[in-house]
Amino acid sequence: MRQLLLTLFIILNIIMILISLNFDSTINYLSYRIIIVAFTFLLSIVFILENARKSILFLAIISTIIALVHLGIIVQSIYLNVYTS
């Protein structure tokens, strides 16, 4: 179940990153994107600290990295819309 959940969040974050990079950088659905990143990041950290199997640990680390990349894209999008408009 944990592997499925982590895989789902990895796929969801990658889809949101691709959408953010391919379309004009606006702040549409910003709250949903922040909730996805926060929940993914916190869940991944819990799974890392839990010390489960190696496969779950590997997926949790990948999920954490992808969530941080997504967070960086969100911050960049907010910066561009607030300070350059």
PDB file of N, CA and C in Angstrom:
ATOM      1  N   MET A   1       0.826  -1.193   0.000  1.00  0.00           N
ATOM      2  CA  MET A   1       0.000   0.000   0.000  1.00  0.00           C
ATOM      3  C   MET A   1       0.875   1.263   0.000  1.00  0.00           C
ATOM      4  N   ARG A   2       1.955   1.228   0.756  1.00  0.00           N
ATOM      5  CA  ARG A   2       2.841   2.395   0.818  1.00  0.00           C
ATOM      6  C   ARG A   2       3.510   2.650  -0.525  1.00  0.00           C
ATOM      7  N   GLN A   3       3.918   1.581  -1.183  1.00  0.00           N
ATOM      8  CA  GLN A   3       4.550   1.743  -2.494  1.00  0.00           C
ATOM      9  C   GLN A   3       3.574   2.341  -3.493  1.00  0.00           C
ATOM     10  N   LEU A   4       2.346   1.899  -3.451  1.00  0.00           N
ATOM     11  CA  LEU A   4       1.328   2.422  -4.347  1.00  0.00           C
ATOM     12  C   LEU A   4       1.071   3.902  -4.067  1.00  0.00           C
ATOM     13  N   LEU A   5       0.989   4.266  -2.813  1.00  0.00           N
ATOM     14  CA  LEU A   5       0.751   5.650  -2.435  1.00  0.00           C
ATOM     15  C   LEU A   5       1.910   6.550  -2.852  1.00  0.00           C
ATOM     16  N   LEU A   6       3.131   6.110  -2.602  1.00  0.00           N
ATOM     17  CA  LEU A   6       4.293   6.898  -2.999  1.00  0.00           C
ATOM     18  C   LEU A   6       4.393   7.011  -4.518  1.00  0.00           C
ATOM     19  N   THR A   7       4.126   5.926  -5.218  1.00  0.00           N
ATOM     20  CA  THR A   7       4.160   5.958  -6.681  1.00  0.00           C
ATOM     21  C   THR A   7       3.094   6.900  -7.227  1.00  0.00           C
ATOM     22  N   LEU A   8       1.919   6.883  -6.635  1.00  0.00           N
ATOM     23  CA  LEU A   8       0.856   7.788  -7.055  1.00  0.00           C
ATOM     24  C   LEU A   8       1.269   9.246  -6.872  1.00  0.00           C
ATOM     25  N   PHE A   9       1.872   9.567  -5.743  1.00  0.00           N
ATOM     26  CA  PHE A   9       2.295  10.942  -5.506  1.00  0.00           C
ATOM     27  C   PHE A   9       3.469  11.339  -6.405  1.00  0.00           C
ATOM     28  N   ILE A  10       4.352  10.419  -6.700  1.00  0.00           N
ATOM     29  CA  ILE A  10       5.445  10.719  -7.630  1.00  0.00           C
ATOM     30  C   ILE A  10       4.866  11.056  -9.002  1.00  0.00           C
ATOM     31  N   ILE A  11       3.947  10.245  -9.476  1.00  0.00           N
ATOM     32  CA  ILE A  11       3.332  10.481 -10.792  1.00  0.00           C
ATOM     33  C   ILE A  11       2.559  11.796 -10.792  1.00  0.00           C
ATOM     34  N   LEU A  12       1.814  12.061  -9.727  1.00  0.00           N
ATOM     35  CA  LEU A  12       1.036  13.285  -9.632  1.00  0.00           C
ATOM     36  C   LEU A  12       1.945  14.521  -9.644  1.00  0.00           C
ATOM     37  N   ASN A  13       3.034  14.476  -8.905  1.00  0.00           N
ATOM     38  CA  ASN A  13       3.969  15.605  -8.886  1.00  0.00           C
ATOM     39  C   ASN A  13       4.650  15.787 -10.236  1.00  0.00           C
ATOM     40  N   ILE A  14       5.022  14.715 -10.891  1.00  0.00           N
ATOM     41  CA  ILE A  14       5.657  14.826 -12.207  1.00  0.00           C
ATOM     42  C   ILE A  14       4.681  15.418 -13.220  1.00  0.00           C
ATOM     43  N   ILE A  15       3.430  15.008 -13.175  1.00  0.00           N
ATOM     44  CA  ILE A  15       2.424  15.577 -14.077  1.00  0.00           C
ATOM     45  C   ILE A  15       2.262  17.070 -13.813  1.00  0.00           C
ATOM     46  N   MET A  16       2.196  17.459 -12.548  1.00  0.00           N
ATOM     47  CA  MET A  16       2.050  18.876 -12.219  1.00  0.00           C
ATOM     48  C   MET A  16       3.285  19.680 -12.614  1.00  0.00           C
ATOM     49  N   ILE A  17       4.470  19.098 -12.493  1.00  0.00           N
ATOM     50  CA  ILE A  17       5.695  19.778 -12.918  1.00  0.00           C
ATOM     51  C   ILE A  17       5.677  19.977 -14.427  1.00  0.00           C
ATOM     52  N   LEU A  18       5.310  18.945 -15.173  1.00  0.00           N
ATOM     53  CA  LEU A  18       5.257  19.058 -16.632  1.00  0.00           C
ATOM     54  C   LEU A  18       4.229  20.087 -17.086  1.00  0.00           C
ATOM     55  N   ILE A  19       3.092  20.129 -16.425  1.00  0.00           N
ATOM     56  CA  ILE A  19       2.088  21.144 -16.749  1.00  0.00           C
ATOM     57  C   ILE A  19       2.626  22.535 -16.454  1.00  0.00           C
ATOM     58  N   SER A  20       3.309  22.683 -15.336  1.00  0.00           N
ATOM     59  CA  SER A  20       3.866  23.992 -14.963  1.00  0.00           C
ATOM     60  C   SER A  20       4.930  24.452 -15.944  1.00  0.00           C
ATOM     61  N   LEU A  21       5.728  23.528 -16.448  1.00  0.00           N
ATOM     62  CA  LEU A  21       6.808  23.901 -17.345  1.00  0.00           C
ATOM     63  C   LEU A  21       6.338  24.128 -18.778  1.00  0.00           C
ATOM     64  N   ASN A  22       5.267  23.470 -19.194  1.00  0.00           N
ATOM     65  CA  ASN A  22       4.825  23.567 -20.582  1.00  0.00           C
ATOM     66  C   ASN A  22       3.870  24.712 -20.861  1.00  0.00           C
ATOM     67  N   PHE A  23       3.182  25.184 -19.837  1.00  0.00           N
ATOM     68  CA  PHE A  23       2.222  26.253 -20.044  1.00  0.00           C
ATOM     69  C   PHE A  23       2.713  27.524 -19.392  1.00  0.00           C
ATOM     70  N   ASP A  24       2.041  28.623 -19.730  1.00  0.00           N
ATOM     71  CA  ASP A  24       2.414  29.918 -19.185  1.00  0.00           C
ATOM     72  C   ASP A  24       2.373  29.874 -17.660  1.00  0.00           C
ATOM     73  N   SER A  25       3.365  30.476 -17.044  1.00  0.00           N
ATOM     74  CA  SER A  25       3.473  30.385 -15.591  1.00  0.00           C
ATOM     75  C   SER A  25       2.499  31.359 -14.931  1.00  0.00           C
ATOM     76  N   THR A  26       1.374  30.831 -14.543  1.00  0.00           N
ATOM     77  CA  THR A  26       0.379  31.592 -13.803  1.00  0.00           C
ATOM     78  C   THR A  26       0.206  30.939 -12.446  1.00  0.00           C
ATOM     79  N   ILE A  27      -0.585  31.550 -11.625  1.00  0.00           N
ATOM     80  CA  ILE A  27      -0.776  30.965 -10.303  1.00  0.00           C
ATOM     81  C   ILE A  27      -2.155  30.314 -10.172  1.00  0.00           C
ATOM     82  N   ASN A  28      -2.635  29.788 -11.296  1.00  0.00           N
ATOM     83  CA  ASN A  28      -3.889  29.041 -11.260  1.00  0.00           C
ATOM     84  C   ASN A  28      -3.700  27.766 -10.450  1.00  0.00           C
ATOM     85  N   TYR A  29      -4.680  27.462  -9.658  1.00  0.00           N
ATOM     86  CA  TYR A  29      -4.679  26.247  -8.831  1.00  0.00           C
ATOM     87  C   TYR A  29      -3.469  26.184  -7.896  1.00  0.00           C
ATOM     88  N   LEU A  30      -3.030  27.341  -7.434  1.00  0.00           N
ATOM     89  CA  LEU A  30      -1.850  27.390  -6.579  1.00  0.00           C
ATOM     90  C   LEU A  30      -2.067  26.648  -5.265  1.00  0.00           C
ATOM     91  N   SER A  31      -3.223  26.803  -4.662  1.00  0.00           N
ATOM     92  CA  SER A  31      -3.474  26.149  -3.374  1.00  0.00           C
ATOM     93  C   SER A  31      -3.456  24.624  -3.517  1.00  0.00           C
ATOM     94  N   TYR A  32      -3.987  24.113  -4.638  1.00  0.00           N
ATOM     95  CA  TYR A  32      -3.966  22.664  -4.854  1.00  0.00           C
ATOM     96  C   TYR A  32      -2.531  22.161  -5.025  1.00  0.00           C
ATOM     97  N   ARG A  33      -1.730  22.933  -5.760  1.00  0.00           N
ATOM     98  CA  ARG A  33      -0.345  22.541  -5.967  1.00  0.00           C
ATOM     99  C   ARG A  33       0.429  22.551  -4.655  1.00  0.00           C
ATOM    100  N   ILE A  34       0.179  23.542  -3.813  1.00  0.00           N
ATOM    101  CA  ILE A  34       0.862  23.616  -2.523  1.00  0.00           C
ATOM    102  C   ILE A  34       0.437  22.469  -1.619  1.00  0.00           C
ATOM    103  N   ILE A  35      -0.840  22.144  -1.620  1.00  0.00           N
ATOM    104  CA  ILE A  35      -1.324  21.023  -0.802  1.00  0.00           C
ATOM    105  C   ILE A  35      -0.705  19.714  -1.270  1.00  0.00           C
ATOM    106  N   ILE A  36      -0.621  19.505  -2.581  1.00  0.00           N
ATOM    107  CA  ILE A  36      -0.012  18.278  -3.111  1.00  0.00           C
ATOM    108  C   ILE A  36       1.449  18.178  -2.694  1.00  0.00           C
ATOM    109  N   VAL A  37       2.186  19.282  -2.835  1.00  0.00           N
ATOM    110  CA  VAL A  37       3.602  19.272  -2.473  1.00  0.00           C
ATOM    111  C   VAL A  37       3.780  19.042  -0.973  1.00  0.00           C
ATOM    112  N   ALA A  38       3.003  19.741  -0.161  1.00  0.00           N
ATOM    113  CA  ALA A  38       3.148  19.605   1.288  1.00  0.00           C
ATOM    114  C   ALA A  38       2.812  18.188   1.753  1.00  0.00           C
ATOM    115  N   PHE A  39       1.713  17.649   1.256  1.00  0.00           N
ATOM    116  CA  PHE A  39       1.323  16.306   1.673  1.00  0.00           C
ATOM    117  C   PHE A  39       2.329  15.257   1.205  1.00  0.00           C
ATOM    118  N   THR A  40       2.800  15.395  -0.020  1.00  0.00           N
ATOM    119  CA  THR A  40       3.797  14.459  -0.546  1.00  0.00           C
ATOM    120  C   THR A  40       5.084  14.533   0.253  1.00  0.00           C
ATOM    121  N   PHE A  41       5.546  15.747   0.523  1.00  0.00           N
ATOM    122  CA  PHE A  41       6.791  15.922   1.264  1.00  0.00           C
ATOM    123  C   PHE A  41       6.685  15.354   2.677  1.00  0.00           C
ATOM    124  N   LEU A  42       5.619  15.677   3.384  1.00  0.00           N
ATOM    125  CA  LEU A  42       5.463  15.187   4.756  1.00  0.00           C
ATOM    126  C   LEU A  42       5.293  13.669   4.805  1.00  0.00           C
ATOM    127  N   LEU A  43       4.518  13.125   3.889  1.00  0.00           N
ATOM    128  CA  LEU A  43       4.333  11.673   3.856  1.00  0.00           C
ATOM    129  C   LEU A  43       5.642  10.958   3.540  1.00  0.00           C
ATOM    130  N   SER A  44       6.413  11.519   2.631  1.00  0.00           N
ATOM    131  CA  SER A  44       7.702  10.916   2.280  1.00  0.00           C
ATOM    132  C   SER A  44       8.667  10.960   3.456  1.00  0.00           C
ATOM    133  N   ILE A  45       8.687  12.063   4.170  1.00  0.00           N
ATOM    134  CA  ILE A  45       9.558  12.168   5.347  1.00  0.00           C
ATOM    135  C   ILE A  45       9.150  11.155   6.409  1.00  0.00           C
ATOM    136  N   VAL A  46       7.860  10.971   6.602  1.00  0.00           N
ATOM    137  CA  VAL A  46       7.395   9.964   7.576  1.00  0.00           C
ATOM    138  C   VAL A  46       7.848   8.569   7.157  1.00  0.00           C
ATOM    139  N   PHE A  47       7.737   8.253   5.872  1.00  0.00           N
ATOM    140  CA  PHE A  47       8.168   6.937   5.404  1.00  0.00           C
ATOM    141  C   PHE A  47       9.681   6.762   5.491  1.00  0.00           C
ATOM    142  N   ILE A  48      10.432   7.849   5.313  1.00  0.00           N
ATOM    143  CA  ILE A  48      11.887   7.766   5.469  1.00  0.00           C
ATOM    144  C   ILE A  48      12.242   7.508   6.926  1.00  0.00           C
ATOM    145  N   LEU A  49      11.598   8.209   7.835  1.00  0.00           N
ATOM    146  CA  LEU A  49      11.898   8.047   9.260  1.00  0.00           C
ATOM    147  C   LEU A  49      11.394   6.728   9.823  1.00  0.00           C
ATOM    148  N   GLU A  50      10.452   6.125   9.154  1.00  0.00           N
ATOM    149  CA  GLU A  50       9.869   4.870   9.623  1.00  0.00           C
ATOM    150  C   GLU A  50      10.827   3.690   9.474  1.00  0.00           C
ATOM    151  N   ASN A  51      11.804   3.809   8.579  1.00  0.00           N
ATOM    152  CA  ASN A  51      12.773   2.736   8.333  1.00  0.00           C
ATOM    153  C   ASN A  51      12.098   1.435   7.911  1.00  0.00           C
ATOM    154  N   ALA A  52      11.374   1.517   6.841  1.00  0.00           N
ATOM    155  CA  ALA A  52      10.703   0.334   6.303  1.00  0.00           C
ATOM    156  C   ALA A  52      11.653  -0.395   5.355  1.00  0.00           C
ATOM    157  N   ARG A  53      11.104  -1.103   4.406  1.00  0.00           N
ATOM    158  CA  ARG A  53      11.928  -1.830   3.443  1.00  0.00           C
ATOM    159  C   ARG A  53      12.719  -0.870   2.565  1.00  0.00           C
ATOM    160  N   LYS A  54      13.730  -1.413   1.913  1.00  0.00           N
ATOM    161  CA  LYS A  54      14.602  -0.602   1.060  1.00  0.00           C
ATOM    162  C   LYS A  54      13.846   0.001  -0.117  1.00  0.00           C
ATOM    163  N   SER A  55      12.912  -0.747  -0.685  1.00  0.00           N
ATOM    164  CA  SER A  55      12.174  -0.224  -1.837  1.00  0.00           C
ATOM    165  C   SER A  55      11.309   0.973  -1.441  1.00  0.00           C
ATOM    166  N   ILE A  56      10.691   0.908  -0.274  1.00  0.00           N
ATOM    167  CA  ILE A  56       9.879   2.025   0.198  1.00  0.00           C
ATOM    168  C   ILE A  56      10.776   3.208   0.534  1.00  0.00           C
ATOM    169  N   LEU A  57      11.923   2.948   1.112  1.00  0.00           N
ATOM    170  CA  LEU A  57      12.871   4.018   1.418  1.00  0.00           C
ATOM    171  C   LEU A  57      13.338   4.703   0.143  1.00  0.00           C
ATOM    172  N   PHE A  58      13.631   3.935  -0.892  1.00  0.00           N
ATOM    173  CA  PHE A  58      14.066   4.481  -2.171  1.00  0.00           C
ATOM    174  C   PHE A  58      12.963   5.330  -2.798  1.00  0.00           C
ATOM    175  N   LEU A  59      11.735   4.827  -2.807  1.00  0.00           N
ATOM    176  CA  LEU A  59      10.613   5.590  -3.349  1.00  0.00           C
ATOM    177  C   LEU A  59      10.355   6.861  -2.537  1.00  0.00           C
ATOM    178  N   ALA A  60      10.508   6.783  -1.228  1.00  0.00           N
ATOM    179  CA  ALA A  60      10.285   7.953  -0.381  1.00  0.00           C
ATOM    180  C   ALA A  60      11.337   9.028  -0.640  1.00  0.00           C
ATOM    181  N   ILE A  61      12.575   8.629  -0.859  1.00  0.00           N
ATOM    182  CA  ILE A  61      13.629   9.600  -1.163  1.00  0.00           C
ATOM    183  C   ILE A  61      13.374  10.247  -2.523  1.00  0.00           C
ATOM    184  N   ILE A  62      13.001   9.454  -3.512  1.00  0.00           N
ATOM    185  CA  ILE A  62      12.685  10.000  -4.833  1.00  0.00           C
ATOM    186  C   ILE A  62      11.478  10.944  -4.744  1.00  0.00           C
ATOM    187  N   SER A  63      10.489  10.553  -3.991  1.00  0.00           N
ATOM    188  CA  SER A  63       9.298  11.392  -3.829  1.00  0.00           C
ATOM    189  C   SER A  63       9.634  12.708  -3.136  1.00  0.00           C
ATOM    190  N   THR A  64      10.514  12.673  -2.158  1.00  0.00           N
ATOM    191  CA  THR A  64      10.934  13.892  -1.471  1.00  0.00           C
ATOM    192  C   THR A  64      11.666  14.830  -2.421  1.00  0.00           C
ATOM    193  N   ILE A  65      12.553  14.287  -3.226  1.00  0.00           N
ATOM    194  CA  ILE A  65      13.305  15.107  -4.186  1.00  0.00           C
ATOM    195  C   ILE A  65      12.370  15.733  -5.214  1.00  0.00           C
ATOM    196  N   ILE A  66      11.439  14.954  -5.725  1.00  0.00           N
ATOM    197  CA  ILE A  66      10.497  15.475  -6.716  1.00  0.00           C
ATOM    198  C   ILE A  66       9.597  16.539  -6.087  1.00  0.00           C
ATOM    199  N   ALA A  67       9.179  16.332  -4.838  1.00  0.00           N
ATOM    200  CA  ALA A  67       8.354  17.336  -4.161  1.00  0.00           C
ATOM    201  C   ALA A  67       9.133  18.634  -3.960  1.00  0.00           C
ATOM    202  N   LEU A  68      10.415  18.539  -3.644  1.00  0.00           N
ATOM    203  CA  LEU A  68      11.224  19.743  -3.483  1.00  0.00           C
ATOM    204  C   LEU A  68      11.422  20.464  -4.816  1.00  0.00           C
ATOM    205  N   VAL A  69      11.585  19.717  -5.898  1.00  0.00           N
ATOM    206  CA  VAL A  69      11.681  20.336  -7.223  1.00  0.00           C
ATOM    207  C   VAL A  69      10.367  21.042  -7.560  1.00  0.00           C
ATOM    208  N   HIS A  70       9.263  20.394  -7.286  1.00  0.00           N
ATOM    209  CA  HIS A  70       7.957  20.994  -7.539  1.00  0.00           C
ATOM    210  C   HIS A  70       7.772  22.251  -6.689  1.00  0.00           C
ATOM    211  N   LEU A  71       8.217  22.213  -5.453  1.00  0.00           N
ATOM    212  CA  LEU A  71       8.147  23.387  -4.580  1.00  0.00           C
ATOM    213  C   LEU A  71       8.978  24.533  -5.150  1.00  0.00           C
ATOM    214  N   GLY A  72      10.148  24.223  -5.674  1.00  0.00           N
ATOM    215  CA  GLY A  72      10.981  25.245  -6.296  1.00  0.00           C
ATOM    216  C   GLY A  72      10.303  25.882  -7.495  1.00  0.00           C
ATOM    217  N   ILE A  73       9.621  25.080  -8.294  1.00  0.00           N
ATOM    218  CA  ILE A  73       8.897  25.609  -9.454  1.00  0.00           C
ATOM    219  C   ILE A  73       7.737  26.489  -9.002  1.00  0.00           C
ATOM    220  N   ILE A  74       7.067  26.103  -7.930  1.00  0.00           N
ATOM    221  CA  ILE A  74       5.977  26.922  -7.396  1.00  0.00           C
ATOM    222  C   ILE A  74       6.513  28.264  -6.905  1.00  0.00           C
ATOM    223  N   VAL A  75       7.625  28.244  -6.179  1.00  0.00           N
ATOM    224  CA  VAL A  75       8.218  29.482  -5.673  1.00  0.00           C
ATOM    225  C   VAL A  75       8.650  30.377  -6.828  1.00  0.00           C
ATOM    226  N   GLN A  76       9.247  29.795  -7.855  1.00  0.00           N
ATOM    227  CA  GLN A  76       9.658  30.568  -9.019  1.00  0.00           C
ATOM    228  C   GLN A  76       8.444  31.176  -9.721  1.00  0.00           C
ATOM    229  N   SER A  77       7.378  30.428  -9.842  1.00  0.00           N
ATOM    230  CA  SER A  77       6.162  30.917 -10.474  1.00  0.00           C
ATOM    231  C   SER A  77       5.570  32.083  -9.688  1.00  0.00           C
ATOM    232  N   ILE A  78       5.545  31.963  -8.376  1.00  0.00           N
ATOM    233  CA  ILE A  78       5.025  33.054  -7.535  1.00  0.00           C
ATOM    234  C   ILE A  78       5.915  34.292  -7.668  1.00  0.00           C
ATOM    235  N   TYR A  79       7.214  34.089  -7.650  1.00  0.00           N
ATOM    236  CA  TYR A  79       8.148  35.208  -7.786  1.00  0.00           C
ATOM    237  C   TYR A  79       7.954  35.931  -9.115  1.00  0.00           C
ATOM    238  N   LEU A  80       7.841  35.173 -10.191  1.00  0.00           N
ATOM    239  CA  LEU A  80       7.680  35.792 -11.506  1.00  0.00           C
ATOM    240  C   LEU A  80       6.368  36.556 -11.612  1.00  0.00           C
ATOM    241  N   ASN A  81       5.319  36.031 -11.004  1.00  0.00           N
ATOM    242  CA  ASN A  81       4.014  36.704 -11.105  1.00  0.00           C
ATOM    243  C   ASN A  81       3.895  37.905 -10.174  1.00  0.00           C
ATOM    244  N   VAL A  82       4.588  37.901  -9.061  1.00  0.00           N
ATOM    245  CA  VAL A  82       4.457  38.996  -8.121  1.00  0.00           C
ATOM    246  C   VAL A  82       5.424  40.135  -8.449  1.00  0.00           C
ATOM    247  N   TYR A  83       6.665  39.803  -8.752  1.00  0.00           N
ATOM    248  CA  TYR A  83       7.673  40.842  -8.875  1.00  0.00           C
ATOM    249  C   TYR A  83       7.975  41.285 -10.295  1.00  0.00           C
ATOM    250  N   THR A  84       7.543  40.564 -11.288  1.00  0.00           N
ATOM    251  CA  THR A  84       7.840  40.996 -12.652  1.00  0.00           C
ATOM    252  C   THR A  84       6.588  41.457 -13.398  1.00  0.00           C
ATOM    253  N   SER A  85       5.456  41.398 -12.780  1.00  0.00           N
ATOM    254  CA  SER A  85       4.230  41.828 -13.463  1.00  0.00           C
ATOM    255  C   SER A  85       3.997  43.312 -13.302  1.00  0.00           C
TER     256      SER A  85
END
